[in-house]
Amino acid sequence: MRQANVDRTTKETRIAVAVNLDGSGQYRIATGVGFLDHMLEQLSRHSLIDVDLQAEGDTHIDFHHTTEDSALALGEAITRALGDRTGIQRYGEALVPMDETLTRVALDLSNRPYLVWRVDFPTAKLGDFDTELFREWFQAFSQTAGVTLHIETHYGTNSHHVAESCFKALARALRRAVEIDPRKADMVPSTKGVLGGSL
């Protein structure tokens, strides 16, 4: 089973994450940030990756540290669960509509982090949540998950729908990319024979 646990503790946050890449989309999420919980639940359910993520952070200041650190911990857990990435499909893509919004995600589990972010939010806040923090979440996730990640919202007028379509599209693309390719289950999907770093 491709599973991993990560515990991440700083002066700003304490986070514990457990993932199972071969799960069924079961989740237990508690970050202290309601909208972030909602997005991570969508990520788990639509990727079929089981996620248990418990976080305590300095939300009395703002939601920045909890948002960013939850992504760092989740990405690291996924990296550990992938191991040397033998047999994975590696690439994933999804085009996700949500009412008036349409978002596309394309990704490569290359172990070379990179984020292309072409997403605009109609509002600066969703309740108490600063929408600028979504980019911080995806940047941090791409860094520790080792994923080249392209996200583009083609159009959308509702900030909730824009955010949710980004997470759902990431989920669907991840679902494809982490799958084991039955034709190449014993091989790393690279002519280099390894995925990672500057190789």
N, C-alpha and C. Protein backbone atom coordinates (compact mmCIF):
# COMPACT_ATOMS: atom_id res chain seq x y z
N MET A 1 0.84 -1.19 0.00
CA MET A 1 0.00 0.00 0.00
C MET A 1 0.88 1.25 0.00
N ARG A 2 0.51 2.21 -0.82
CA ARG A 2 1.29 3.45 -0.92
C ARG A 2 0.73 4.45 0.08
N GLN A 3 1.29 4.41 1.27
CA GLN A 3 0.82 5.24 2.37
C GLN A 3 1.99 5.98 2.98
N ALA A 4 1.69 7.10 3.65
CA ALA A 4 2.73 7.85 4.35
C ALA A 4 2.12 8.74 5.41
N ASN A 5 2.95 9.06 6.39
CA ASN A 5 2.58 9.97 7.47
C ASN A 5 3.63 11.07 7.58
N VAL A 6 3.17 12.26 7.87
CA VAL A 6 4.07 13.39 8.07
C VAL A 6 3.61 14.18 9.28
N ASP A 7 4.55 14.50 10.17
CA ASP A 7 4.30 15.41 11.27
C ASP A 7 5.19 16.63 11.08
N ARG A 8 4.57 17.79 11.07
CA ARG A 8 5.31 19.03 10.83
C ARG A 8 4.99 20.02 11.95
N THR A 9 6.03 20.42 12.70
CA THR A 9 5.82 21.33 13.82
C THR A 9 6.77 22.51 13.72
N THR A 10 6.20 23.70 13.78
CA THR A 10 6.98 24.94 13.84
C THR A 10 6.41 25.80 14.95
N LYS A 11 6.96 26.99 15.12
CA LYS A 11 6.41 27.92 16.11
C LYS A 11 5.06 28.46 15.67
N GLU A 12 4.70 28.24 14.40
CA GLU A 12 3.46 28.80 13.85
C GLU A 12 2.35 27.77 13.68
N THR A 13 2.74 26.52 13.42
CA THR A 13 1.73 25.48 13.18
C THR A 13 2.21 24.12 13.68
N ARG A 14 1.23 23.27 13.96
CA ARG A 14 1.48 21.84 14.24
C ARG A 14 0.52 21.05 13.35
N ILE A 15 1.10 20.23 12.47
CA ILE A 15 0.28 19.54 11.48
C ILE A 15 0.66 18.06 11.43
N ALA A 16 -0.34 17.21 11.40
CA ALA A 16 -0.15 15.77 11.22
C ALA A 16 -0.98 15.34 10.02
N VAL A 17 -0.34 14.64 9.08
CA VAL A 17 -1.00 14.20 7.86
C VAL A 17 -0.75 12.72 7.63
N ALA A 18 -1.78 12.01 7.22
CA ALA A 18 -1.65 10.64 6.75
C ALA A 18 -2.37 10.51 5.42
N VAL A 19 -1.73 9.87 4.45
CA VAL A 19 -2.36 9.68 3.14
C VAL A 19 -2.25 8.23 2.70
N ASN A 20 -3.22 7.83 1.90
CA ASN A 20 -3.22 6.53 1.23
C ASN A 20 -3.58 6.78 -0.23
N LEU A 21 -2.59 6.63 -1.11
CA LEU A 21 -2.82 6.92 -2.52
C LEU A 21 -3.79 5.94 -3.16
N ASP A 22 -3.92 4.77 -2.58
CA ASP A 22 -4.79 3.73 -3.13
C ASP A 22 -6.08 3.61 -2.33
N GLY A 23 -6.58 4.74 -1.89
CA GLY A 23 -7.77 4.75 -1.06
C GLY A 23 -9.05 4.89 -1.85
N SER A 24 -10.07 5.43 -1.20
CA SER A 24 -11.38 5.60 -1.83
C SER A 24 -11.93 7.01 -1.63
N GLY A 25 -11.04 7.93 -1.24
CA GLY A 25 -11.48 9.31 -1.05
C GLY A 25 -12.08 9.58 0.32
N GLN A 26 -11.66 8.80 1.31
CA GLN A 26 -12.11 9.04 2.67
C GLN A 26 -11.26 10.14 3.29
N TYR A 27 -11.87 11.00 4.09
CA TYR A 27 -11.11 12.11 4.66
C TYR A 27 -11.53 12.42 6.08
N ARG A 28 -10.58 12.97 6.81
CA ARG A 28 -10.81 13.55 8.14
C ARG A 28 -9.93 14.80 8.18
N ILE A 29 -10.55 15.95 8.03
CA ILE A 29 -9.82 17.20 7.87
C ILE A 29 -10.24 18.18 8.97
N ALA A 30 -9.26 18.77 9.64
CA ALA A 30 -9.54 19.82 10.62
C ALA A 30 -8.33 20.74 10.69
N THR A 31 -8.45 21.92 10.07
CA THR A 31 -7.34 22.87 10.07
C THR A 31 -7.63 24.10 10.92
N GLY A 32 -8.87 24.27 11.34
CA GLY A 32 -9.25 25.50 12.01
C GLY A 32 -9.65 26.60 11.05
N VAL A 33 -9.57 26.31 9.75
CA VAL A 33 -9.95 27.26 8.70
C VAL A 33 -11.05 26.59 7.87
N GLY A 34 -12.26 27.01 8.06
CA GLY A 34 -13.41 26.30 7.49
C GLY A 34 -13.36 26.13 5.99
N PHE A 35 -13.05 27.19 5.26
CA PHE A 35 -13.06 27.07 3.81
C PHE A 35 -11.93 26.18 3.32
N LEU A 36 -10.78 26.23 3.98
CA LEU A 36 -9.68 25.34 3.62
C LEU A 36 -10.06 23.89 3.85
N ASP A 37 -10.73 23.61 4.95
CA ASP A 37 -11.23 22.25 5.20
C ASP A 37 -12.10 21.78 4.04
N HIS A 38 -13.00 22.64 3.61
CA HIS A 38 -13.91 22.30 2.51
C HIS A 38 -13.15 21.97 1.24
N MET A 39 -12.10 22.72 0.94
CA MET A 39 -11.31 22.48 -0.27
C MET A 39 -10.52 21.18 -0.16
N LEU A 40 -9.95 20.91 1.00
CA LEU A 40 -9.17 19.68 1.17
C LEU A 40 -10.06 18.45 1.15
N GLU A 41 -11.28 18.59 1.62
CA GLU A 41 -12.24 17.49 1.51
C GLU A 41 -12.55 17.19 0.05
N GLN A 42 -12.71 18.23 -0.75
CA GLN A 42 -12.94 18.04 -2.18
C GLN A 42 -11.75 17.36 -2.85
N LEU A 43 -10.55 17.79 -2.46
CA LEU A 43 -9.33 17.20 -3.02
C LEU A 43 -9.26 15.70 -2.74
N SER A 44 -9.55 15.32 -1.51
CA SER A 44 -9.53 13.90 -1.15
C SER A 44 -10.60 13.12 -1.89
N ARG A 45 -11.83 13.60 -1.83
CA ARG A 45 -12.96 12.86 -2.41
C ARG A 45 -12.78 12.64 -3.91
N HIS A 46 -12.33 13.65 -4.64
CA HIS A 46 -12.28 13.53 -6.10
C HIS A 46 -10.97 12.92 -6.62
N SER A 47 -9.96 12.86 -5.77
CA SER A 47 -8.71 12.18 -6.17
C SER A 47 -8.71 10.72 -5.78
N LEU A 48 -9.62 10.33 -4.88
CA LEU A 48 -9.66 9.00 -4.26
C LEU A 48 -8.45 8.74 -3.37
N ILE A 49 -7.75 9.80 -2.99
CA ILE A 49 -6.66 9.68 -2.03
C ILE A 49 -7.24 9.89 -0.63
N ASP A 50 -7.07 8.91 0.25
CA ASP A 50 -7.52 9.07 1.62
C ASP A 50 -6.59 10.08 2.31
N VAL A 51 -7.19 11.04 3.00
CA VAL A 51 -6.41 12.09 3.67
C VAL A 51 -6.92 12.29 5.08
N ASP A 52 -6.00 12.19 6.04
CA ASP A 52 -6.27 12.58 7.41
C ASP A 52 -5.32 13.73 7.72
N LEU A 53 -5.86 14.92 7.90
CA LEU A 53 -5.02 16.10 8.12
C LEU A 53 -5.58 16.88 9.30
N GLN A 54 -4.76 16.97 10.34
CA GLN A 54 -5.14 17.69 11.55
C GLN A 54 -4.12 18.81 11.78
N ALA A 55 -4.60 20.03 11.92
CA ALA A 55 -3.69 21.17 12.04
C ALA A 55 -4.14 22.11 13.16
N GLU A 56 -3.15 22.65 13.83
CA GLU A 56 -3.36 23.75 14.77
C GLU A 56 -2.39 24.85 14.38
N GLY A 57 -2.90 26.06 14.19
CA GLY A 57 -2.04 27.14 13.76
C GLY A 57 -2.40 28.46 14.39
N ASP A 58 -1.61 29.47 14.06
CA ASP A 58 -1.79 30.80 14.63
C ASP A 58 -2.85 31.58 13.86
N THR A 59 -4.03 31.01 13.81
CA THR A 59 -5.13 31.63 13.06
C THR A 59 -5.64 32.91 13.72
N HIS A 60 -5.21 33.17 14.94
CA HIS A 60 -5.56 34.45 15.58
C HIS A 60 -4.83 35.60 14.90
N ILE A 61 -3.74 35.28 14.19
CA ILE A 61 -3.03 36.30 13.42
C ILE A 61 -3.68 36.43 12.05
N ASP A 62 -3.62 35.35 11.28
CA ASP A 62 -4.36 35.24 10.02
C ASP A 62 -4.28 33.78 9.59
N PHE A 63 -4.73 33.48 8.38
CA PHE A 63 -4.78 32.08 7.93
C PHE A 63 -3.58 31.67 7.09
N HIS A 64 -2.61 32.59 6.92
CA HIS A 64 -1.51 32.34 5.99
C HIS A 64 -0.69 31.11 6.37
N HIS A 65 -0.20 31.06 7.59
CA HIS A 65 0.70 29.98 7.98
C HIS A 65 0.01 28.62 7.94
N THR A 66 -1.23 28.56 8.41
CA THR A 66 -1.96 27.29 8.41
C THR A 66 -2.23 26.83 6.99
N THR A 67 -2.58 27.76 6.12
CA THR A 67 -2.86 27.42 4.72
C THR A 67 -1.60 26.89 4.04
N GLU A 68 -0.52 27.64 4.14
CA GLU A 68 0.72 27.24 3.47
C GLU A 68 1.30 25.95 4.05
N ASP A 69 1.33 25.85 5.37
CA ASP A 69 1.96 24.69 6.00
C ASP A 69 1.15 23.42 5.79
N SER A 70 -0.17 23.54 5.68
CA SER A 70 -0.97 22.35 5.40
C SER A 70 -0.62 21.80 4.01
N ALA A 71 -0.35 22.69 3.08
CA ALA A 71 0.04 22.25 1.73
C ALA A 71 1.42 21.64 1.74
N LEU A 72 2.35 22.24 2.48
CA LEU A 72 3.70 21.67 2.58
C LEU A 72 3.66 20.25 3.15
N ALA A 73 2.87 20.07 4.20
CA ALA A 73 2.80 18.75 4.84
C ALA A 73 2.10 17.73 3.95
N LEU A 74 1.00 18.13 3.32
CA LEU A 74 0.27 17.21 2.44
C LEU A 74 1.13 16.82 1.25
N GLY A 75 1.80 17.79 0.64
CA GLY A 75 2.67 17.49 -0.49
C GLY A 75 3.79 16.54 -0.11
N GLU A 76 4.38 16.75 1.06
CA GLU A 76 5.45 15.86 1.52
C GLU A 76 4.93 14.44 1.74
N ALA A 77 3.73 14.32 2.29
CA ALA A 77 3.15 12.99 2.51
C ALA A 77 2.92 12.28 1.19
N ILE A 78 2.45 13.00 0.19
CA ILE A 78 2.23 12.39 -1.12
C ILE A 78 3.56 11.96 -1.74
N THR A 79 4.59 12.79 -1.61
CA THR A 79 5.92 12.42 -2.11
C THR A 79 6.41 11.14 -1.46
N ARG A 80 6.28 11.06 -0.16
CA ARG A 80 6.74 9.85 0.56
C ARG A 80 5.95 8.62 0.10
N ALA A 81 4.65 8.79 -0.06
CA ALA A 81 3.82 7.66 -0.48
C ALA A 81 4.16 7.20 -1.90
N LEU A 82 4.58 8.12 -2.76
CA LEU A 82 4.95 7.78 -4.13
C LEU A 82 6.28 7.03 -4.21
N GLY A 83 7.12 7.19 -3.20
CA GLY A 83 8.42 6.53 -3.23
C GLY A 83 9.25 6.98 -4.41
N ASP A 84 9.81 6.02 -5.17
CA ASP A 84 10.61 6.41 -6.35
C ASP A 84 9.74 6.60 -7.58
N ARG A 85 8.42 6.54 -7.40
CA ARG A 85 7.43 6.82 -8.45
C ARG A 85 7.39 5.75 -9.54
N THR A 86 7.86 4.58 -9.20
CA THR A 86 7.81 3.46 -10.14
C THR A 86 6.37 3.14 -10.51
N GLY A 87 6.13 2.99 -11.81
CA GLY A 87 4.87 2.49 -12.31
C GLY A 87 3.74 3.48 -12.44
N ILE A 88 3.94 4.72 -11.99
CA ILE A 88 2.83 5.68 -12.03
C ILE A 88 2.58 6.17 -13.46
N GLN A 89 1.37 6.65 -13.68
CA GLN A 89 1.05 7.25 -14.97
C GLN A 89 1.86 8.54 -15.19
N ARG A 90 2.16 9.23 -14.11
CA ARG A 90 2.99 10.43 -14.07
C ARG A 90 2.25 11.70 -14.48
N TYR A 91 1.56 11.68 -15.60
CA TYR A 91 0.87 12.88 -16.09
C TYR A 91 -0.62 12.80 -15.78
N GLY A 92 -1.21 13.96 -15.55
CA GLY A 92 -2.65 14.02 -15.35
C GLY A 92 -3.18 15.35 -15.83
N GLU A 93 -4.42 15.35 -16.26
CA GLU A 93 -5.05 16.56 -16.75
C GLU A 93 -6.54 16.49 -16.44
N ALA A 94 -7.12 17.65 -16.14
CA ALA A 94 -8.57 17.70 -15.90
C ALA A 94 -9.10 19.07 -16.27
N LEU A 95 -10.28 19.06 -16.84
CA LEU A 95 -11.02 20.28 -17.16
C LEU A 95 -12.32 20.20 -16.38
N VAL A 96 -12.47 21.11 -15.41
CA VAL A 96 -13.59 21.00 -14.47
C VAL A 96 -14.48 22.24 -14.53
N PRO A 97 -15.75 22.05 -14.89
CA PRO A 97 -16.71 23.15 -14.83
C PRO A 97 -17.38 23.19 -13.45
N MET A 98 -17.69 24.38 -13.01
CA MET A 98 -18.53 24.54 -11.82
C MET A 98 -19.42 25.74 -12.06
N ASP A 99 -20.64 25.45 -12.48
CA ASP A 99 -21.58 26.50 -12.87
C ASP A 99 -20.94 27.40 -13.94
N GLU A 100 -20.74 28.68 -13.63
CA GLU A 100 -20.24 29.62 -14.64
C GLU A 100 -18.71 29.57 -14.80
N THR A 101 -18.04 28.74 -14.00
CA THR A 101 -16.58 28.71 -13.94
C THR A 101 -16.03 27.48 -14.65
N LEU A 102 -14.88 27.65 -15.31
CA LEU A 102 -14.20 26.54 -15.96
C LEU A 102 -12.71 26.64 -15.67
N THR A 103 -12.15 25.57 -15.09
CA THR A 103 -10.73 25.54 -14.72
C THR A 103 -10.06 24.29 -15.28
N ARG A 104 -8.85 24.48 -15.77
CA ARG A 104 -8.04 23.37 -16.30
C ARG A 104 -6.78 23.22 -15.46
N VAL A 105 -6.47 21.98 -15.12
CA VAL A 105 -5.21 21.64 -14.45
C VAL A 105 -4.49 20.59 -15.28
N ALA A 106 -3.21 20.82 -15.51
CA ALA A 106 -2.34 19.82 -16.12
C ALA A 106 -1.13 19.68 -15.21
N LEU A 107 -0.72 18.44 -14.97
CA LEU A 107 0.40 18.25 -14.05
C LEU A 107 1.29 17.09 -14.46
N ASP A 108 2.51 17.15 -13.95
CA ASP A 108 3.53 16.14 -14.19
C ASP A 108 4.18 15.84 -12.84
N LEU A 109 4.07 14.59 -12.40
CA LEU A 109 4.70 14.18 -11.14
C LEU A 109 6.18 13.88 -11.40
N SER A 110 6.87 14.87 -11.90
CA SER A 110 8.24 14.75 -12.35
C SER A 110 9.26 14.82 -11.22
N ASN A 111 8.81 15.20 -10.03
CA ASN A 111 9.68 15.51 -8.90
C ASN A 111 10.50 16.78 -9.17
N ARG A 112 10.00 17.58 -10.08
CA ARG A 112 10.59 18.90 -10.36
C ARG A 112 9.49 19.94 -10.13
N PRO A 113 9.50 20.60 -8.98
CA PRO A 113 8.41 21.52 -8.64
C PRO A 113 8.38 22.75 -9.53
N TYR A 114 7.18 23.09 -9.97
CA TYR A 114 6.99 24.33 -10.74
C TYR A 114 5.50 24.63 -10.78
N LEU A 115 5.17 25.88 -10.56
CA LEU A 115 3.76 26.29 -10.60
C LEU A 115 3.56 27.36 -11.65
N VAL A 116 2.59 27.13 -12.53
CA VAL A 116 2.08 28.17 -13.42
C VAL A 116 0.65 28.46 -12.95
N TRP A 117 0.39 29.69 -12.56
CA TRP A 117 -0.88 30.07 -11.92
C TRP A 117 -1.53 31.17 -12.74
N ARG A 118 -2.58 30.84 -13.43
CA ARG A 118 -3.34 31.81 -14.21
C ARG A 118 -4.79 31.79 -13.72
N VAL A 119 -4.95 32.30 -12.53
CA VAL A 119 -6.26 32.29 -11.86
C VAL A 119 -6.50 33.67 -11.27
N ASP A 120 -7.63 34.24 -11.57
CA ASP A 120 -8.03 35.52 -11.00
C ASP A 120 -9.31 35.34 -10.19
N PHE A 121 -9.33 35.94 -9.02
CA PHE A 121 -10.51 35.88 -8.16
C PHE A 121 -11.28 37.20 -8.23
N PRO A 122 -12.58 37.12 -8.40
CA PRO A 122 -13.40 38.34 -8.48
C PRO A 122 -13.40 39.15 -7.18
N THR A 123 -13.16 38.48 -6.05
CA THR A 123 -13.18 39.17 -4.75
C THR A 123 -11.88 38.89 -4.00
N ALA A 124 -11.53 39.77 -3.09
CA ALA A 124 -10.30 39.62 -2.30
C ALA A 124 -10.48 38.65 -1.14
N LYS A 125 -11.74 38.41 -0.77
CA LYS A 125 -12.00 37.53 0.38
C LYS A 125 -13.17 36.59 0.09
N LEU A 126 -13.10 35.43 0.72
CA LEU A 126 -14.24 34.51 0.81
C LEU A 126 -14.55 34.37 2.29
N GLY A 127 -15.52 35.09 2.77
CA GLY A 127 -15.71 35.17 4.21
C GLY A 127 -14.49 35.85 4.82
N ASP A 128 -13.83 35.14 5.75
CA ASP A 128 -12.62 35.67 6.38
C ASP A 128 -11.34 35.23 5.67
N PHE A 129 -11.48 34.46 4.60
CA PHE A 129 -10.32 33.87 3.92
C PHE A 129 -9.85 34.78 2.79
N ASP A 130 -8.57 35.14 2.80
CA ASP A 130 -8.00 35.95 1.73
C ASP A 130 -7.77 35.08 0.50
N THR A 131 -8.37 35.44 -0.62
CA THR A 131 -8.25 34.60 -1.82
C THR A 131 -6.83 34.56 -2.36
N GLU A 132 -5.97 35.51 -2.02
CA GLU A 132 -4.58 35.46 -2.45
C GLU A 132 -3.85 34.25 -1.85
N LEU A 133 -4.41 33.68 -0.78
CA LEU A 133 -3.77 32.53 -0.13
C LEU A 133 -3.90 31.25 -0.95
N PHE A 134 -4.82 31.20 -1.89
CA PHE A 134 -4.93 29.99 -2.71
C PHE A 134 -3.66 29.76 -3.52
N ARG A 135 -3.12 30.83 -4.08
CA ARG A 135 -1.87 30.66 -4.82
C ARG A 135 -0.78 30.15 -3.89
N GLU A 136 -0.72 30.64 -2.66
CA GLU A 136 0.28 30.18 -1.71
C GLU A 136 0.12 28.70 -1.42
N TRP A 137 -1.13 28.24 -1.32
CA TRP A 137 -1.37 26.81 -1.07
C TRP A 137 -0.84 25.96 -2.24
N PHE A 138 -1.19 26.33 -3.46
CA PHE A 138 -0.77 25.53 -4.61
C PHE A 138 0.73 25.61 -4.84
N GLN A 139 1.35 26.75 -4.55
CA GLN A 139 2.80 26.88 -4.67
C GLN A 139 3.49 25.94 -3.68
N ALA A 140 3.05 25.96 -2.44
CA ALA A 140 3.65 25.10 -1.41
C ALA A 140 3.43 23.62 -1.73
N PHE A 141 2.24 23.28 -2.18
CA PHE A 141 1.95 21.90 -2.53
C PHE A 141 2.84 21.41 -3.67
N SER A 142 2.99 22.22 -4.70
CA SER A 142 3.82 21.81 -5.84
C SER A 142 5.26 21.61 -5.40
N GLN A 143 5.72 22.42 -4.45
CA GLN A 143 7.10 22.35 -3.99
C GLN A 143 7.39 21.00 -3.32
N THR A 144 6.58 20.62 -2.35
CA THR A 144 6.90 19.40 -1.60
C THR A 144 6.35 18.13 -2.25
N ALA A 145 5.32 18.26 -3.07
CA ALA A 145 4.82 17.08 -3.79
C ALA A 145 5.69 16.76 -5.00
N GLY A 146 6.56 17.69 -5.38
CA GLY A 146 7.42 17.45 -6.53
C GLY A 146 6.61 17.38 -7.82
N VAL A 147 5.76 18.37 -8.02
CA VAL A 147 4.87 18.34 -9.18
C VAL A 147 5.01 19.62 -9.99
N THR A 148 5.14 19.46 -11.29
CA THR A 148 5.00 20.58 -12.21
C THR A 148 3.51 20.76 -12.41
N LEU A 149 3.00 21.94 -12.03
CA LEU A 149 1.56 22.14 -11.90
C LEU A 149 1.13 23.39 -12.64
N HIS A 150 0.26 23.22 -13.63
CA HIS A 150 -0.29 24.34 -14.39
C HIS A 150 -1.78 24.44 -14.08
N ILE A 151 -2.20 25.61 -13.63
CA ILE A 151 -3.60 25.84 -13.27
C ILE A 151 -4.07 27.10 -13.99
N GLU A 152 -5.17 26.96 -14.71
CA GLU A 152 -5.71 28.10 -15.44
C GLU A 152 -7.24 28.10 -15.35
N THR A 153 -7.79 29.17 -14.80
CA THR A 153 -9.23 29.35 -14.82
C THR A 153 -9.58 30.16 -16.06
N HIS A 154 -10.30 29.53 -16.97
CA HIS A 154 -10.64 30.18 -18.24
C HIS A 154 -11.62 31.32 -18.04
N TYR A 155 -12.59 31.11 -17.14
CA TYR A 155 -13.54 32.16 -16.81
C TYR A 155 -14.30 31.77 -15.54
N GLY A 156 -14.87 32.77 -14.89
CA GLY A 156 -15.62 32.54 -13.67
C GLY A 156 -15.88 33.85 -12.96
N THR A 157 -17.06 33.98 -12.38
CA THR A 157 -17.43 35.24 -11.72
C THR A 157 -17.71 35.06 -10.23
N ASN A 158 -17.64 33.84 -9.74
CA ASN A 158 -17.92 33.55 -8.34
C ASN A 158 -16.65 32.99 -7.70
N SER A 159 -16.12 33.68 -6.69
CA SER A 159 -14.85 33.27 -6.10
C SER A 159 -14.89 31.87 -5.50
N HIS A 160 -16.01 31.52 -4.89
CA HIS A 160 -16.15 30.17 -4.34
C HIS A 160 -16.01 29.13 -5.46
N HIS A 161 -16.67 29.36 -6.56
CA HIS A 161 -16.62 28.43 -7.67
C HIS A 161 -15.22 28.36 -8.29
N VAL A 162 -14.55 29.50 -8.36
CA VAL A 162 -13.18 29.51 -8.90
C VAL A 162 -12.27 28.66 -8.02
N ALA A 163 -12.30 28.87 -6.72
CA ALA A 163 -11.45 28.10 -5.81
C ALA A 163 -11.77 26.61 -5.87
N GLU A 164 -13.04 26.29 -5.80
CA GLU A 164 -13.43 24.88 -5.76
C GLU A 164 -13.10 24.17 -7.06
N SER A 165 -13.24 24.86 -8.18
CA SER A 165 -12.90 24.22 -9.45
C SER A 165 -11.40 23.95 -9.54
N CYS A 166 -10.59 24.81 -8.94
CA CYS A 166 -9.13 24.57 -8.92
C CYS A 166 -8.79 23.31 -8.13
N PHE A 167 -9.37 23.16 -6.97
CA PHE A 167 -9.08 21.99 -6.13
C PHE A 167 -9.64 20.71 -6.75
N LYS A 168 -10.83 20.78 -7.32
CA LYS A 168 -11.41 19.60 -7.95
C LYS A 168 -10.63 19.19 -9.19
N ALA A 169 -10.17 20.17 -9.95
CA ALA A 169 -9.37 19.85 -11.14
C ALA A 169 -8.03 19.25 -10.74
N LEU A 170 -7.41 19.80 -9.69
CA LEU A 170 -6.18 19.18 -9.17
C LEU A 170 -6.44 17.74 -8.75
N ALA A 171 -7.54 17.53 -8.06
CA ALA A 171 -7.88 16.19 -7.59
C ALA A 171 -8.01 15.20 -8.75
N ARG A 172 -8.75 15.59 -9.76
CA ARG A 172 -8.97 14.68 -10.90
C ARG A 172 -7.67 14.42 -11.65
N ALA A 173 -6.83 15.43 -11.79
CA ALA A 173 -5.56 15.23 -12.46
C ALA A 173 -4.63 14.35 -11.63
N LEU A 174 -4.62 14.55 -10.32
CA LEU A 174 -3.82 13.70 -9.44
C LEU A 174 -4.27 12.25 -9.48
N ARG A 175 -5.58 12.07 -9.49
CA ARG A 175 -6.13 10.71 -9.54
C ARG A 175 -5.55 9.92 -10.71
N ARG A 176 -5.45 10.57 -11.85
CA ARG A 176 -4.88 9.94 -13.04
C ARG A 176 -3.37 9.73 -12.89
N ALA A 177 -2.67 10.76 -12.42
CA ALA A 177 -1.21 10.73 -12.41
C ALA A 177 -0.64 9.71 -11.43
N VAL A 178 -1.30 9.50 -10.28
CA VAL A 178 -0.75 8.57 -9.29
C VAL A 178 -1.12 7.12 -9.57
N GLU A 179 -2.04 6.90 -10.51
CA GLU A 179 -2.44 5.53 -10.84
C GLU A 179 -1.25 4.72 -11.35
N ILE A 180 -1.26 3.45 -11.04
CA ILE A 180 -0.24 2.54 -11.57
C ILE A 180 -0.64 2.13 -12.99
N ASP A 181 0.31 2.27 -13.90
CA ASP A 181 0.11 1.87 -15.30
C ASP A 181 0.39 0.37 -15.40
N PRO A 182 -0.62 -0.45 -15.66
CA PRO A 182 -0.43 -1.90 -15.66
C PRO A 182 0.57 -2.37 -16.73
N ARG A 183 0.80 -1.57 -17.75
CA ARG A 183 1.75 -1.95 -18.80
C ARG A 183 3.19 -1.64 -18.43
N LYS A 184 3.38 -0.74 -17.42
CA LYS A 184 4.72 -0.35 -17.01
C LYS A 184 4.83 -0.28 -15.49
N ALA A 185 4.22 -1.23 -14.81
CA ALA A 185 4.12 -1.17 -13.36
C ALA A 185 5.46 -1.31 -12.66
N ASP A 186 6.46 -1.84 -13.34
CA ASP A 186 7.76 -2.07 -12.72
C ASP A 186 8.82 -1.07 -13.19
N MET A 187 8.40 -0.01 -13.87
CA MET A 187 9.36 0.93 -14.42
C MET A 187 9.05 2.36 -14.00
N VAL A 188 10.11 3.14 -13.77
CA VAL A 188 9.95 4.57 -13.55
C VAL A 188 9.64 5.21 -14.89
N PRO A 189 8.58 6.03 -14.97
CA PRO A 189 8.17 6.59 -16.26
C PRO A 189 9.06 7.74 -16.73
N SER A 190 10.29 7.41 -17.02
CA SER A 190 11.25 8.39 -17.53
C SER A 190 12.36 7.65 -18.26
N THR A 191 12.81 8.19 -19.38
CA THR A 191 13.93 7.57 -20.09
C THR A 191 15.22 7.68 -19.29
N LYS A 192 15.25 8.56 -18.29
CA LYS A 192 16.43 8.69 -17.42
C LYS A 192 16.50 7.55 -16.41
N GLY A 193 15.36 6.90 -16.17
CA GLY A 193 15.31 5.84 -15.20
C GLY A 193 15.09 6.32 -13.78
N VAL A 194 14.94 7.63 -13.64
CA VAL A 194 14.72 8.22 -12.31
C VAL A 194 13.97 9.53 -12.49
N LEU A 195 13.13 9.86 -11.51
CA LEU A 195 12.42 11.13 -11.52
C LEU A 195 12.92 11.98 -10.36
N GLY A 196 13.37 13.18 -10.68
CA GLY A 196 13.70 14.07 -9.58
C GLY A 196 14.83 15.01 -9.83
N GLY A 197 14.82 16.07 -9.02
CA GLY A 197 15.90 17.03 -9.00
C GLY A 197 16.16 17.65 -10.35
N SER A 198 17.44 17.80 -10.67
CA SER A 198 17.85 18.44 -11.93
C SER A 198 18.10 17.42 -13.02
N LEU A 199 17.75 16.15 -12.77
CA LEU A 199 18.00 15.09 -13.75
C LEU A 199 17.08 15.21 -14.94
